[in-house]
């Protein structure tokens, strides 16, 4: 499940439960500059410039670290903890595999075609992925879950991606709902019980 799919599912589920998308604007997300910093790094990496491999690795890890720090700052918001757990899983897999996320080549061929796999192997595709092989570490954390056609966006995901998607769905669905309020008289009832 891609991030776009998770967002659409979250919006649909939130609406089905009576929520409104405009309430998402009321979420009190902090340190958002970290997200913009991470996006800026990603955009720089995908400019097509010739960047030394060690620098690319450092920049990918820095980009992921900024997102993890942003998630940690917003842990009190429902769904963020789930997103952070998945993000940490992916970050570890990337960190121990040279700064790129390994993907199963056979599953990738089923999702994107053999031509794409060949292009990735030859370095003709700008991507933060690499093809998994016998030297891949923590393979169970890497991209090993096929979302095949006829799904509109066939791809290969990691366990962390699935956890992130569930967190995004939770975040959006809950964020669309009105704030929860204590029943009128609840504090007084508690005081009477304590007395």
Protein backbone atom coordinates (compact mmCIF):
# COMPACT_ATOMS: atom_id res chain seq x y z
CA UNK A 1 0.00 0.00 0.00
CA UNK A 2 1.53 3.28 -1.10
CA UNK A 3 1.37 6.46 0.95
CA UNK A 4 -1.11 7.92 -1.55
CA UNK A 5 -3.35 4.87 -1.14
CA UNK A 6 -3.18 5.22 2.66
CA UNK A 7 -4.15 8.90 2.44
CA UNK A 8 -7.14 8.13 0.19
CA UNK A 9 -8.28 5.27 2.45
CA UNK A 10 -7.92 7.50 5.52
CA UNK A 11 -9.99 10.25 3.91
CA UNK A 12 -12.69 7.81 2.81
CA UNK A 13 -12.85 6.10 6.21
CA UNK A 14 -12.85 9.42 8.04
CA UNK A 15 -15.72 10.69 5.89
CA UNK A 16 -17.66 7.44 6.40
CA UNK A 17 -17.37 7.97 10.16
CA UNK A 18 -18.80 11.47 9.88
CA UNK A 19 -15.51 13.37 9.87
CA UNK A 20 -14.58 16.41 7.81
CA UNK A 21 -11.29 16.94 5.96
CA UNK A 22 -11.08 20.58 7.09
CA UNK A 23 -10.48 19.38 10.66
CA UNK A 24 -7.09 18.05 9.54
CA UNK A 25 -5.96 21.66 9.39
CA UNK A 26 -6.50 21.86 13.15
CA UNK A 27 -3.86 19.21 13.92
CA UNK A 28 -1.14 20.85 16.00
CA UNK A 29 1.95 19.52 14.23
CA UNK A 30 5.20 21.01 15.48
CA UNK A 31 8.72 21.43 14.07
CA UNK A 32 7.37 21.18 10.51
CA UNK A 33 10.57 22.78 9.23
CA UNK A 34 12.19 19.35 9.67
CA UNK A 35 9.81 17.85 7.11
CA UNK A 36 10.56 20.62 4.64
CA UNK A 37 14.27 20.05 5.22
CA UNK A 38 13.87 16.35 4.48
CA UNK A 39 11.90 17.10 1.31
CA UNK A 40 14.54 19.58 0.18
CA UNK A 41 17.22 16.89 0.54
CA UNK A 42 15.10 14.40 -1.43
CA UNK A 43 14.53 16.93 -4.21
CA UNK A 44 18.26 17.61 -4.36
CA UNK A 45 19.00 13.90 -4.65
CA UNK A 46 16.54 13.52 -7.53
CA UNK A 47 17.88 16.44 -9.58
CA UNK A 48 19.97 14.06 -11.65
CA UNK A 49 23.23 15.69 -10.59
CA UNK A 50 26.31 13.51 -10.33
CA UNK A 51 26.66 13.08 -6.57
CA UNK A 52 29.34 10.78 -5.06
CA UNK A 53 27.83 7.59 -3.64
CA UNK A 54 29.07 8.20 -0.05
CA UNK A 55 27.45 11.65 -0.10
CA UNK A 56 24.17 10.18 -1.37
CA UNK A 57 24.20 7.69 1.50
CA UNK A 58 24.76 10.41 4.09
CA UNK A 59 22.04 12.61 2.61
CA UNK A 60 19.49 9.77 2.54
CA UNK A 61 20.20 9.00 6.19
CA UNK A 62 20.03 12.69 7.12
CA UNK A 63 16.69 13.01 5.34
CA UNK A 64 15.30 10.01 7.22
CA UNK A 65 16.70 11.27 10.52
CA UNK A 66 14.91 14.62 10.11
CA UNK A 67 11.60 12.85 9.60
CA UNK A 68 12.15 10.61 12.63
CA UNK A 69 12.91 13.68 14.76
CA UNK A 70 9.73 15.38 13.51
CA UNK A 71 7.66 12.29 14.33
CA UNK A 72 9.19 12.09 17.81
CA UNK A 73 8.17 15.70 18.47
CA UNK A 74 4.56 14.93 17.51
CA UNK A 75 4.11 11.59 19.26
CA UNK A 76 1.09 12.84 21.22
CA UNK A 77 -1.01 12.98 18.04
CA UNK A 78 -2.99 9.76 17.35
CA UNK A 79 -1.39 7.67 14.60
CA UNK A 80 2.04 9.31 14.76
CA UNK A 81 3.51 6.60 17.01
CA UNK A 82 2.52 3.98 14.43
CA UNK A 83 4.07 6.02 11.61
CA UNK A 84 7.24 6.45 13.66
CA UNK A 85 7.51 2.71 14.36
CA UNK A 86 7.32 1.97 10.65
CA UNK A 87 9.73 4.79 9.88
CA UNK A 88 12.28 3.49 12.36
CA UNK A 89 12.00 0.01 10.84
CA UNK A 90 12.74 1.41 7.38
CA UNK A 91 15.51 3.66 8.70
CA UNK A 92 17.31 0.70 10.26
CA UNK A 93 16.98 -1.37 7.07
CA UNK A 94 18.37 1.51 5.00
CA UNK A 95 21.17 2.32 7.46
CA UNK A 96 22.54 -1.24 7.57
CA UNK A 97 22.39 -1.59 3.78
CA UNK A 98 24.51 1.33 2.69
CA UNK A 99 21.87 4.05 2.72
CA UNK A 100 19.41 2.45 0.30
CA UNK A 101 16.39 0.21 0.78
CA UNK A 102 16.95 -3.24 -0.77
CA UNK A 103 14.05 -4.61 -2.80
CA UNK A 104 13.47 -8.18 -3.95
CA UNK A 105 14.28 -8.14 -7.71
CA UNK A 106 11.81 -10.90 -8.60
CA UNK A 107 8.92 -9.16 -6.84
CA UNK A 108 9.95 -5.82 -8.33
CA UNK A 109 9.83 -7.34 -11.81
CA UNK A 110 6.26 -8.49 -11.15
CA UNK A 111 5.28 -5.01 -10.00
CA UNK A 112 7.21 -2.75 -12.40
CA UNK A 113 8.49 -5.01 -15.16
CA UNK A 114 11.85 -6.60 -15.95
CA UNK A 115 12.97 -3.47 -17.81
CA UNK A 116 12.71 -1.38 -14.66
CA UNK A 117 14.76 -3.93 -12.70
CA UNK A 118 17.48 -3.85 -15.36
CA UNK A 119 17.49 -0.05 -15.34
CA UNK A 120 17.79 0.03 -11.55
CA UNK A 121 20.63 -2.48 -11.62
CA UNK A 122 22.46 -0.39 -14.23
CA UNK A 123 21.99 2.83 -12.27
CA UNK A 124 19.77 4.39 -14.96
CA UNK A 125 16.98 5.00 -12.43
CA UNK A 126 17.23 7.66 -9.73
CA UNK A 127 15.97 5.82 -6.67
CA UNK A 128 16.68 5.25 -2.99
CA UNK A 129 16.27 1.50 -3.64
CA UNK A 130 18.83 -1.15 -4.46
CA UNK A 131 18.37 -4.75 -5.55
CA UNK A 132 18.53 -7.23 -2.68
CA UNK A 133 21.12 -10.00 -2.94
CA UNK A 134 22.93 -12.52 -0.74
CA UNK A 135 24.75 -9.68 1.04
CA UNK A 136 21.58 -7.88 2.12
CA UNK A 137 21.31 -7.42 5.89
CA UNK A 138 18.05 -7.66 7.87
CA UNK A 139 16.26 -8.80 4.73
CA UNK A 140 12.99 -9.23 6.62
CA UNK A 141 12.87 -5.44 7.13
CA UNK A 142 13.43 -4.66 3.44
CA UNK A 143 10.96 -4.46 0.54
CA UNK A 144 9.58 -8.01 0.45
CA UNK A 145 5.80 -7.56 0.20
CA UNK A 146 4.29 -7.47 -3.29
CA UNK A 147 1.25 -5.32 -4.06
CA UNK A 148 0.59 -6.68 -7.57
CA UNK A 149 -1.57 -5.57 -10.48
CA UNK A 150 -4.47 -4.97 -10.89
CA UNK A 151 -3.85 -2.66 -7.90
CA UNK A 152 -3.62 0.82 -9.48
CA UNK A 153 -0.14 1.43 -8.06
CA UNK A 154 1.64 -1.97 -8.04
CA UNK A 155 4.77 -1.91 -5.92
CA UNK A 156 6.92 -3.81 -3.42
CA UNK A 157 6.72 -2.70 0.20
CA UNK A 158 8.47 -3.36 3.47
CA UNK A 159 6.85 -4.26 6.77
CA UNK A 160 7.69 -0.72 7.85
CA UNK A 161 5.76 0.68 4.88
CA UNK A 162 2.67 -1.25 5.96
CA UNK A 163 2.95 0.04 9.53
CA UNK A 164 3.42 3.59 8.22
CA UNK A 165 0.33 3.25 6.02
CA UNK A 166 -1.77 2.04 8.96
CA UNK A 167 -0.53 4.98 11.03
CA UNK A 168 -1.41 7.45 8.26
CA UNK A 169 -4.91 5.98 7.96
CA UNK A 170 -5.32 6.24 11.74
CA UNK A 171 -3.95 9.80 11.78
CA UNK A 172 -6.26 11.05 9.03
CA UNK A 173 -9.36 9.19 10.21
CA UNK A 174 -8.97 10.42 13.79
CA UNK A 175 -7.92 13.90 12.71
CA UNK A 176 -11.13 14.33 10.71
CA UNK A 177 -13.31 13.69 13.76
CA UNK A 178 -14.47 16.43 16.16
CA UNK A 179 -12.43 16.81 19.38
CA UNK A 180 -13.49 14.43 22.12
CA UNK A 181 -15.16 16.11 25.06
CA UNK A 182 -15.80 14.84 28.57
CA UNK A 183 -19.49 14.32 29.39
CA UNK A 184 -21.04 17.24 31.23
CA UNK A 185 -20.88 16.61 34.96
CA UNK A 186 -18.17 13.95 34.73
CA UNK A 187 -15.65 15.83 36.93
CA UNK A 188 -18.35 16.46 39.54
CA UNK A 189 -19.28 12.79 39.54
CA UNK A 190 -15.66 11.82 40.13
CA UNK A 191 -15.41 14.29 43.00
CA UNK A 192 -18.52 12.83 44.64
CA UNK A 193 -17.11 9.30 44.33
CA UNK A 194 -13.82 10.39 45.88
CA UNK A 195 -15.69 12.05 48.75
